[in-house]
């Protein structure tokens, strides 16, 4: 069962994306197909990662130790607690102490990593090793690890988003099962809401986009939207999934008391990472969140039984119930590394060796990142965690595509979400069109 507090870096990466310095296009090095080092000779490579919690560092060290046992000639110098800013600086400058292999929590930066040439295209390495990435990794993970056909990163564990619910509150409200469709979800959220004066004793669900993990991309993942057209332009104003998603969320905000009342209540609640998280305390009966929440919630010793299920889907997509939004950690090889073949051996082991992936997932308490590992009998988890494994393996699960300017387009969409739910923006169609134009302008300027 997941028990460890996740690294804040992973969860706060979205907020930091817009402020990360763009990688320069001056990064040079051997291409994947041109790596010339002999991986059979004695060598040392540098691996930089972002994990920092004691149990996470222990899991990384165990993973690397397993690799070194399998490859006694390749020694790995591990450097942890590295932010994307530090990694980016090292990738630009190079040198003997710079990383040969990196891992990052920020999938939103894949477009930058690939378009800048900071990381090598791994497709030639996969081909040389006879590994079919499409058959190795879940579909969303294949999508968020490449940009414009350049697979410059590879999945290294994942995060899946689902629905947590208070079984005791459900029973008291006469609700037998978790909701499967959005209309069922809205009805349950209202039924679970108990007023206290001009506030709430219990809120069925906090729908506001500031509500911890209730971001626009996590919501909209259930609507299977197309973010960009074939011409590379934003599809925000063209794909009806976005209008539908914004409309249903705003309707729920209004039905649960309105934006101002909800925000006033939210200001009294505990933070996302502490034991006083409102789902832990029973102040909120349903919570959109990732697989790590289960362990954190159990550690808080709640006075109710926790239920876990996939997030509901729009009523017209009921047949796809079971899907969810997927993201995760990525790994890649530095373009300026002179030890790319040796680096590939480490990357290949960490990301495609089933036992290695399973062991690491057990240690980190994240979702395994290969289809084989998701089915492994060696996985150790609370039975409820199975929900997230199934979401990760579900072919209908979604992610957000890479962009040349990272996650800036997601920040732009989220900002419009704030304006629309609060009533600052009232014309949805016009707002979507304006936001799409801003996204296109930002991307054009980044090229």
Protein backbone atom coordinates (compact mmCIF):
# COMPACT_ATOMS: atom_id res chain seq x y z
CA UNK A 1 0.00 0.00 0.00
CA UNK A 2 1.38 3.45 -0.84
CA UNK A 3 2.42 5.10 2.39
CA UNK A 4 5.13 7.57 1.49
CA UNK A 5 4.73 11.30 1.10
CA UNK A 6 5.40 12.03 -2.58
CA UNK A 7 8.07 14.51 -3.59
CA UNK A 8 6.52 17.94 -3.73
CA UNK A 9 8.54 18.61 -6.85
CA UNK A 10 6.42 16.18 -8.81
CA UNK A 11 3.16 17.67 -7.70
CA UNK A 12 4.16 21.31 -7.94
CA UNK A 13 5.84 20.94 -11.32
CA UNK A 14 2.76 22.26 -13.12
CA UNK A 15 2.86 25.53 -11.23
CA UNK A 16 6.54 25.98 -11.99
CA UNK A 17 6.35 25.12 -15.68
CA UNK A 18 5.61 28.62 -16.88
CA UNK A 19 8.61 30.08 -15.07
CA UNK A 20 11.19 27.51 -16.14
CA UNK A 21 13.87 28.92 -18.39
CA UNK A 22 13.62 27.72 -21.95
CA UNK A 23 16.36 25.37 -23.02
CA UNK A 24 18.57 26.89 -25.67
CA UNK A 25 18.92 25.26 -29.04
CA UNK A 26 22.68 25.34 -28.72
CA UNK A 27 22.85 21.89 -27.15
CA UNK A 28 24.96 19.67 -29.32
CA UNK A 29 26.17 16.12 -29.10
CA UNK A 30 26.06 12.74 -30.72
CA UNK A 31 22.75 11.65 -32.11
CA UNK A 32 21.26 8.39 -30.90
CA UNK A 33 22.32 6.53 -34.02
CA UNK A 34 25.78 8.06 -33.85
CA UNK A 35 26.76 7.03 -30.30
CA UNK A 36 30.27 5.57 -30.51
CA UNK A 37 31.26 4.61 -26.94
CA UNK A 38 31.81 0.94 -26.12
CA UNK A 39 29.27 -0.01 -23.45
CA UNK A 40 31.14 -3.26 -22.75
CA UNK A 41 34.18 -1.43 -21.39
CA UNK A 42 34.63 -0.22 -17.82
CA UNK A 43 33.03 3.21 -17.52
CA UNK A 44 31.23 5.56 -15.14
CA UNK A 45 28.10 7.52 -16.01
CA UNK A 46 26.23 10.26 -14.14
CA UNK A 47 22.53 9.90 -13.36
CA UNK A 48 20.63 12.95 -12.09
CA UNK A 49 17.15 12.57 -10.63
CA UNK A 50 14.67 14.69 -8.66
CA UNK A 51 13.61 12.37 -5.83
CA UNK A 52 14.47 13.54 -2.33
CA UNK A 53 12.31 11.75 0.28
CA UNK A 54 14.31 9.06 2.17
CA UNK A 55 12.20 6.14 0.95
CA UNK A 56 12.38 7.42 -2.62
CA UNK A 57 16.16 7.85 -2.54
CA UNK A 58 16.43 4.34 -1.12
CA UNK A 59 14.31 2.99 -3.99
CA UNK A 60 16.46 4.79 -6.59
CA UNK A 61 19.66 3.44 -5.02
CA UNK A 62 18.20 -0.07 -5.04
CA UNK A 63 17.25 0.30 -8.71
CA UNK A 64 20.75 1.46 -9.65
CA UNK A 65 22.35 -1.30 -7.56
CA UNK A 66 20.34 -3.86 -9.52
CA UNK A 67 21.61 -2.35 -12.76
CA UNK A 68 25.24 -2.42 -11.61
CA UNK A 69 24.90 -6.09 -10.67
CA UNK A 70 23.63 -6.81 -14.17
CA UNK A 71 26.27 -4.55 -15.76
CA UNK A 72 29.36 -4.77 -13.50
CA UNK A 73 31.46 -2.74 -15.94
CA UNK A 74 29.15 0.30 -15.83
CA UNK A 75 29.32 2.34 -12.64
CA UNK A 76 26.63 4.93 -11.90
CA UNK A 77 27.25 8.15 -10.02
CA UNK A 78 23.82 9.12 -8.67
CA UNK A 79 22.91 12.73 -7.91
CA UNK A 80 19.46 13.32 -6.39
CA UNK A 81 17.13 16.21 -5.58
CA UNK A 82 17.82 17.88 -8.94
CA UNK A 83 15.23 20.36 -10.21
CA UNK A 84 14.54 20.87 -13.90
CA UNK A 85 16.30 24.24 -13.73
CA UNK A 86 19.51 22.59 -12.47
CA UNK A 87 19.20 19.79 -15.01
CA UNK A 88 18.67 22.28 -17.85
CA UNK A 89 21.76 24.26 -16.85
CA UNK A 90 23.86 21.11 -16.74
CA UNK A 91 22.55 19.91 -20.11
CA UNK A 92 23.56 23.22 -21.65
CA UNK A 93 27.01 23.41 -20.09
CA UNK A 94 28.10 19.76 -20.30
CA UNK A 95 31.36 18.59 -18.77
CA UNK A 96 32.51 15.53 -16.85
CA UNK A 97 30.14 16.20 -13.95
CA UNK A 98 27.10 16.82 -16.13
CA UNK A 99 24.45 14.11 -16.32
CA UNK A 100 24.56 11.39 -18.94
CA UNK A 101 21.09 10.26 -17.88
CA UNK A 102 18.38 12.46 -16.36
CA UNK A 103 14.94 11.93 -14.92
CA UNK A 104 12.30 14.62 -14.44
CA UNK A 105 8.86 14.84 -12.90
CA UNK A 106 7.81 17.48 -15.43
CA UNK A 107 6.26 15.83 -18.47
CA UNK A 108 5.16 19.31 -19.54
CA UNK A 109 8.79 20.02 -20.45
CA UNK A 110 9.18 17.15 -22.94
CA UNK A 111 8.54 19.49 -25.87
CA UNK A 112 11.37 21.73 -24.69
CA UNK A 113 13.74 18.83 -24.11
CA UNK A 114 13.07 17.40 -27.58
CA UNK A 115 12.89 20.57 -29.68
CA UNK A 116 16.01 22.08 -28.11
CA UNK A 117 18.15 19.02 -28.80
CA UNK A 118 19.11 18.78 -25.13
CA UNK A 119 18.21 15.08 -25.07
CA UNK A 120 18.85 12.57 -27.83
CA UNK A 121 16.13 10.87 -29.84
CA UNK A 122 15.82 7.40 -28.34
CA UNK A 123 14.09 5.83 -31.33
CA UNK A 124 17.38 4.55 -32.81
CA UNK A 125 18.29 2.98 -29.46
CA UNK A 126 14.94 1.22 -29.22
CA UNK A 127 15.33 -0.05 -32.78
CA UNK A 128 18.88 -1.24 -32.12
CA UNK A 129 17.69 -3.11 -29.03
CA UNK A 130 14.69 -4.62 -30.82
CA UNK A 131 12.20 -3.02 -28.44
CA UNK A 132 8.82 -1.86 -29.75
CA UNK A 133 7.93 1.13 -27.59
CA UNK A 134 4.31 1.08 -28.76
CA UNK A 135 3.90 -2.43 -27.36
CA UNK A 136 5.99 -1.78 -24.25
CA UNK A 137 4.38 1.33 -22.72
CA UNK A 138 0.75 2.37 -22.19
CA UNK A 139 -0.60 4.63 -24.95
CA UNK A 140 -0.69 7.90 -22.94
CA UNK A 141 2.88 7.35 -21.72
CA UNK A 142 4.02 6.82 -25.30
CA UNK A 143 2.37 10.11 -26.18
CA UNK A 144 3.80 12.33 -23.45
CA UNK A 145 7.39 11.12 -23.92
CA UNK A 146 7.83 12.39 -27.48
CA UNK A 147 7.39 15.54 -29.55
CA UNK A 148 7.04 15.78 -33.33
CA UNK A 149 8.17 12.17 -33.72
CA UNK A 150 11.25 12.69 -31.56
CA UNK A 151 11.16 10.23 -28.65
CA UNK A 152 13.68 12.08 -26.52
CA UNK A 153 12.31 10.70 -23.25
CA UNK A 154 10.94 7.42 -21.96
CA UNK A 155 8.43 6.68 -19.16
CA UNK A 156 9.89 5.93 -15.72
CA UNK A 157 6.87 5.14 -13.50
CA UNK A 158 3.57 6.96 -13.85
CA UNK A 159 0.77 8.78 -12.06
CA UNK A 160 -2.88 7.97 -12.69
CA UNK A 161 -5.82 10.08 -11.55
CA UNK A 162 -9.01 8.65 -10.12
CA UNK A 163 -11.79 9.29 -7.61
CA UNK A 164 -11.50 8.89 -3.85
CA UNK A 165 -14.75 8.73 -1.90
CA UNK A 166 -15.88 8.53 1.70
CA UNK A 167 -17.74 5.22 1.98
CA UNK A 168 -19.30 6.17 5.32
CA UNK A 169 -20.69 9.39 3.87
CA UNK A 170 -21.97 7.48 0.84
CA UNK A 171 -23.82 5.03 3.09
CA UNK A 172 -25.39 7.83 5.15
CA UNK A 173 -26.52 9.55 1.94
CA UNK A 174 -27.99 6.32 0.59
CA UNK A 175 -25.51 6.08 -2.29
CA UNK A 176 -24.68 2.45 -3.08
CA UNK A 177 -21.87 2.82 -5.61
CA UNK A 178 -19.37 5.43 -6.86
CA UNK A 179 -20.67 7.48 -9.80
CA UNK A 180 -19.77 6.35 -13.32
CA UNK A 181 -21.13 9.27 -15.35
CA UNK A 182 -20.90 13.02 -14.89
CA UNK A 183 -24.63 13.37 -14.20
CA UNK A 184 -24.41 10.70 -11.49
CA UNK A 185 -21.36 12.47 -10.07
CA UNK A 186 -23.14 15.84 -9.93
CA UNK A 187 -26.18 14.28 -8.27
CA UNK A 188 -24.00 12.52 -5.68
CA UNK A 189 -21.97 15.67 -4.99
CA UNK A 190 -25.20 17.55 -4.19
CA UNK A 191 -26.61 14.71 -2.10
CA UNK A 192 -23.37 14.51 -0.09
CA UNK A 193 -23.28 18.24 0.62
CA UNK A 194 -24.47 19.22 4.11
CA UNK A 195 -24.87 22.90 4.88
CA UNK A 196 -23.77 24.65 8.07
CA UNK A 197 -25.05 28.19 8.17
CA UNK A 198 -23.64 29.99 5.14
CA UNK A 199 -20.92 27.36 4.78
CA UNK A 200 -20.67 23.57 4.78
CA UNK A 201 -20.37 20.84 7.37
CA UNK A 202 -19.58 18.48 4.52
CA UNK A 203 -19.04 19.33 0.87
CA UNK A 204 -19.72 16.59 -1.66
CA UNK A 205 -16.87 17.71 -3.93
CA UNK A 206 -14.74 20.82 -4.31
CA UNK A 207 -15.23 21.63 -8.02
CA UNK A 208 -13.17 24.83 -8.20
CA UNK A 209 -10.01 24.68 -10.31
CA UNK A 210 -8.00 25.81 -7.28
CA UNK A 211 -9.26 22.69 -5.50
CA UNK A 212 -5.93 20.87 -5.19
CA UNK A 213 -5.72 18.40 -8.10
CA UNK A 214 -8.91 19.62 -9.80
CA UNK A 215 -7.02 21.29 -12.63
CA UNK A 216 -8.45 21.76 -16.09
CA UNK A 217 -6.31 19.04 -17.66
CA UNK A 218 -7.24 16.51 -14.97
CA UNK A 219 -10.95 17.25 -15.44
CA UNK A 220 -10.82 17.32 -19.21
CA UNK A 221 -8.90 14.06 -19.43
CA UNK A 222 -12.28 12.36 -18.89
CA UNK A 223 -13.66 14.13 -21.98
CA UNK A 224 -10.82 12.88 -24.25
CA UNK A 225 -10.15 16.28 -25.84
CA UNK A 226 -7.91 17.05 -28.81
CA UNK A 227 -5.65 19.92 -27.76
CA UNK A 228 -4.08 20.63 -31.16
CA UNK A 229 -5.22 20.12 -34.72
CA UNK A 230 -3.13 18.56 -37.48
CA UNK A 231 -1.99 22.07 -38.40
CA UNK A 232 -0.49 22.48 -34.93
CA UNK A 233 -3.04 25.12 -33.97
CA UNK A 234 -4.98 25.03 -30.71
CA UNK A 235 -8.26 23.11 -30.99
CA UNK A 236 -9.65 24.69 -27.82
CA UNK A 237 -12.42 26.52 -29.68
CA UNK A 238 -13.05 23.72 -32.19
CA UNK A 239 -13.25 20.50 -30.17
CA UNK A 240 -16.64 20.44 -28.40
CA UNK A 241 -15.07 18.45 -25.55
CA UNK A 242 -13.66 21.67 -24.10
CA UNK A 243 -16.93 23.59 -24.20
CA UNK A 244 -18.67 20.60 -22.65
CA UNK A 245 -16.04 20.27 -19.93
CA UNK A 246 -16.09 23.94 -18.97
CA UNK A 247 -19.91 24.00 -19.02
CA UNK A 248 -20.37 20.97 -16.77
CA UNK A 249 -17.75 22.14 -14.26
CA UNK A 250 -19.29 25.62 -14.06
CA UNK A 251 -22.76 24.13 -13.61
CA UNK A 252 -21.47 22.06 -10.69
CA UNK A 253 -19.82 25.12 -9.13
CA UNK A 254 -23.13 26.98 -9.30
CA UNK A 255 -25.18 24.05 -7.98
CA UNK A 256 -22.92 23.50 -4.98
CA UNK A 257 -23.26 27.07 -3.75
CA UNK A 258 -21.45 29.29 -6.20
CA UNK A 259 -17.82 30.27 -6.66
CA UNK A 260 -17.56 32.78 -3.81
CA UNK A 261 -19.14 30.49 -1.21
CA UNK A 262 -16.94 27.58 -2.29
CA UNK A 263 -13.80 29.71 -2.23
CA UNK A 264 -14.62 31.02 1.23
CA UNK A 265 -14.98 27.43 2.46
CA UNK A 266 -11.81 26.33 0.67
CA UNK A 267 -9.84 29.03 2.48
CA UNK A 268 -10.67 27.33 5.81
CA UNK A 269 -9.47 23.88 4.73
CA UNK A 270 -6.13 22.14 5.24
CA UNK A 271 -3.38 22.08 2.63
CA UNK A 272 -2.90 19.37 0.03
CA UNK A 273 0.12 17.70 1.62
CA UNK A 274 -0.68 17.69 5.32
CA UNK A 275 -2.79 15.37 7.46
CA UNK A 276 -5.57 18.00 7.55
CA UNK A 277 -6.34 17.61 3.84
CA UNK A 278 -10.15 18.04 3.70
CA UNK A 279 -10.70 14.57 2.30
CA UNK A 280 -8.73 13.07 5.20
CA UNK A 281 -10.83 15.01 7.72
CA UNK A 282 -14.16 14.20 6.08
CA UNK A 283 -14.90 17.83 5.19
CA UNK A 284 -14.99 16.89 1.50
CA UNK A 285 -16.62 13.57 0.58
CA UNK A 286 -15.15 13.03 -2.89
CA UNK A 287 -11.71 13.93 -4.20
CA UNK A 288 -10.09 13.93 -7.65
CA UNK A 289 -6.51 12.81 -7.01
CA UNK A 290 -3.57 10.62 -7.97
CA UNK A 291 -2.55 7.18 -6.76
CA UNK A 292 -0.33 8.63 -4.01
CA UNK A 293 -3.34 10.00 -2.11
CA UNK A 294 -4.37 6.57 -0.84
CA UNK A 295 -1.29 6.12 1.32
CA UNK A 296 -1.37 9.71 2.54
CA UNK A 297 -5.03 9.44 3.45
CA UNK A 298 -4.54 6.18 5.35
CA UNK A 299 -1.59 7.67 7.23
CA UNK A 300 -3.92 10.41 8.48
CA UNK A 301 -6.07 7.68 10.12
CA UNK A 302 -9.45 8.89 8.86
CA UNK A 303 -12.63 8.04 10.75
CA UNK A 304 -14.18 6.46 7.66
CA UNK A 305 -13.47 3.80 5.05
CA UNK A 306 -11.84 5.07 1.87
CA UNK A 307 -13.18 3.97 -1.48
CA UNK A 308 -11.31 4.27 -4.78
CA UNK A 309 -12.78 4.25 -8.30
CA UNK A 310 -12.11 5.71 -11.74
CA UNK A 311 -13.31 9.25 -12.30
CA UNK A 312 -16.74 9.45 -13.91
CA UNK A 313 -17.04 10.17 -17.62
CA UNK A 314 -19.45 12.33 -19.64
CA UNK A 315 -22.81 10.64 -20.09
CA UNK A 316 -22.27 10.18 -23.82
CA UNK A 317 -18.98 8.37 -23.14
CA UNK A 318 -20.34 5.92 -20.56
CA UNK A 319 -18.82 2.98 -22.45
CA UNK A 320 -15.35 4.40 -21.66
CA UNK A 321 -15.81 4.40 -17.90
CA UNK A 322 -12.55 3.23 -16.36
CA UNK A 323 -10.26 5.65 -18.17
CA UNK A 324 -8.34 8.48 -16.53
CA UNK A 325 -5.67 11.12 -16.90
CA UNK A 326 -2.09 9.83 -16.96
CA UNK A 327 1.23 11.56 -16.37
CA UNK A 328 4.50 10.52 -14.74
CA UNK A 329 8.26 10.64 -14.48
CA UNK A 330 10.44 10.68 -17.59
CA UNK A 331 14.04 9.72 -18.31
CA UNK A 332 16.39 10.68 -21.11
CA UNK A 333 19.99 10.76 -22.34
CA UNK A 334 21.97 14.01 -22.60
CA UNK A 335 22.88 15.02 -26.14
CA UNK A 336 26.31 16.22 -25.00
CA UNK A 337 27.10 12.91 -23.27
CA UNK A 338 30.04 10.98 -24.73
CA UNK A 339 28.78 7.78 -23.13
CA UNK A 340 25.39 7.44 -24.75
CA UNK A 341 25.55 3.68 -25.35
CA UNK A 342 26.39 3.05 -21.70
CA UNK A 343 23.71 5.56 -20.73
CA UNK A 344 21.20 3.67 -22.87
CA UNK A 345 21.95 0.46 -20.99
CA UNK A 346 20.90 2.21 -17.77
CA UNK A 347 17.81 3.80 -19.33
CA UNK A 348 16.80 0.51 -20.95
CA UNK A 349 17.15 -1.35 -17.65
CA UNK A 350 15.26 1.22 -15.58
CA UNK A 351 12.38 1.59 -18.01
CA UNK A 352 11.91 -1.74 -19.82
CA UNK A 353 13.18 -4.50 -17.49
CA UNK A 354 9.95 -5.78 -15.96
CA UNK A 355 11.39 -6.81 -12.60
CA UNK A 356 13.31 -3.53 -12.31
CA UNK A 357 10.20 -1.47 -13.08
CA UNK A 358 8.09 -3.50 -10.64
CA UNK A 359 10.69 -3.24 -7.87
CA UNK A 360 10.95 0.50 -8.35
CA UNK A 361 7.16 0.92 -8.40
CA UNK A 362 6.92 -1.04 -5.15
CA UNK A 363 9.55 1.22 -3.59
CA UNK A 364 8.19 4.56 -4.84
CA UNK A 365 4.50 3.61 -4.66
CA UNK A 366 3.78 4.91 -8.14
CA UNK A 367 2.15 3.21 -11.11
CA UNK A 368 4.46 0.95 -13.18
CA UNK A 369 5.22 2.32 -16.64
CA UNK A 370 5.20 -0.79 -18.84
CA UNK A 371 2.27 -2.96 -19.84
CA UNK A 372 4.13 -6.06 -18.63
CA UNK A 373 4.90 -4.56 -15.23
CA UNK A 374 1.26 -3.53 -14.76
CA UNK A 375 0.36 -7.24 -14.93
CA UNK A 376 3.27 -8.54 -12.85
CA UNK A 377 2.39 -10.80 -9.90
CA UNK A 378 5.36 -9.28 -8.07
CA UNK A 379 3.58 -5.95 -7.61
CA UNK A 380 2.76 -5.21 -3.98
CA UNK A 381 -0.20 -2.97 -3.31
CA UNK A 382 -3.37 -2.33 -1.39
CA UNK A 383 -6.24 -3.96 -3.35
CA UNK A 384 -7.73 -0.51 -3.92
CA UNK A 385 -4.55 0.51 -5.76
CA UNK A 386 -5.61 -1.88 -8.54
CA UNK A 387 -7.90 0.88 -9.78
CA UNK A 388 -4.91 3.00 -10.79
CA UNK A 389 -3.13 0.09 -12.47
CA UNK A 390 -6.26 -0.51 -14.54
CA UNK A 391 -6.53 3.18 -15.42
CA UNK A 392 -2.91 3.20 -16.60
CA UNK A 393 -3.50 0.12 -18.78
CA UNK A 394 -6.81 1.40 -20.18
CA UNK A 395 -6.40 2.28 -23.90
CA UNK A 396 -8.95 5.08 -23.52
CA UNK A 397 -6.93 6.87 -20.82
CA UNK A 398 -5.55 10.24 -21.87
CA UNK A 399 -2.73 12.69 -21.32
CA UNK A 400 -1.82 16.18 -22.49
CA UNK A 401 0.46 16.49 -25.55
CA UNK A 402 3.95 17.95 -25.52
CA UNK A 403 4.44 21.48 -26.79
CA UNK A 404 7.51 23.43 -27.85
CA UNK A 405 7.01 25.86 -24.96
CA UNK A 406 6.28 23.21 -22.39
CA UNK A 407 3.08 23.48 -20.39
CA UNK A 408 2.46 27.16 -21.11
CA UNK A 409 -0.70 26.30 -23.06
CA UNK A 410 -2.04 24.40 -20.04
CA UNK A 411 -1.39 27.39 -17.78
CA UNK A 412 -3.27 29.57 -20.30
CA UNK A 413 -6.26 27.21 -20.33
CA UNK A 414 -6.25 26.99 -16.54
CA UNK A 415 -6.25 30.78 -16.28
CA UNK A 416 -9.31 30.97 -18.50
CA UNK A 417 -10.86 28.33 -16.25
CA UNK A 418 -10.37 30.60 -13.25
CA UNK A 419 -12.00 33.48 -15.10
CA UNK A 420 -14.96 31.42 -16.30
CA UNK A 421 -15.80 29.64 -13.03
CA UNK A 422 -15.61 32.91 -11.10
CA UNK A 423 -17.86 34.77 -13.51
CA UNK A 424 -15.15 37.14 -14.69
CA UNK A 425 -15.56 35.65 -18.17
CA UNK A 426 -19.17 35.03 -19.21
CA UNK A 427 -19.04 34.28 -22.95
CA UNK A 428 -17.63 30.75 -23.14
CA UNK A 429 -17.35 30.49 -26.93
CA UNK A 430 -15.63 33.87 -27.23
CA UNK A 431 -13.35 33.03 -24.31
CA UNK A 432 -12.30 29.71 -25.83
CA UNK A 433 -11.56 31.42 -29.14
CA UNK A 434 -9.50 34.14 -27.48
CA UNK A 435 -7.61 31.61 -25.35
CA UNK A 436 -6.86 29.47 -28.42
CA UNK A 437 -5.45 32.54 -30.15
CA UNK A 438 -3.20 33.25 -27.18
CA UNK A 439 -1.93 29.67 -27.20
CA UNK A 440 -1.13 29.88 -30.92
CA UNK A 441 0.69 33.19 -30.43
CA UNK A 442 2.76 31.83 -27.56
CA UNK A 443 3.78 28.75 -29.52
CA UNK A 444 4.68 30.80 -32.62
CA UNK A 445 6.92 33.04 -30.49
CA UNK A 446 8.64 30.02 -28.95
CA UNK A 447 9.72 28.61 -32.31
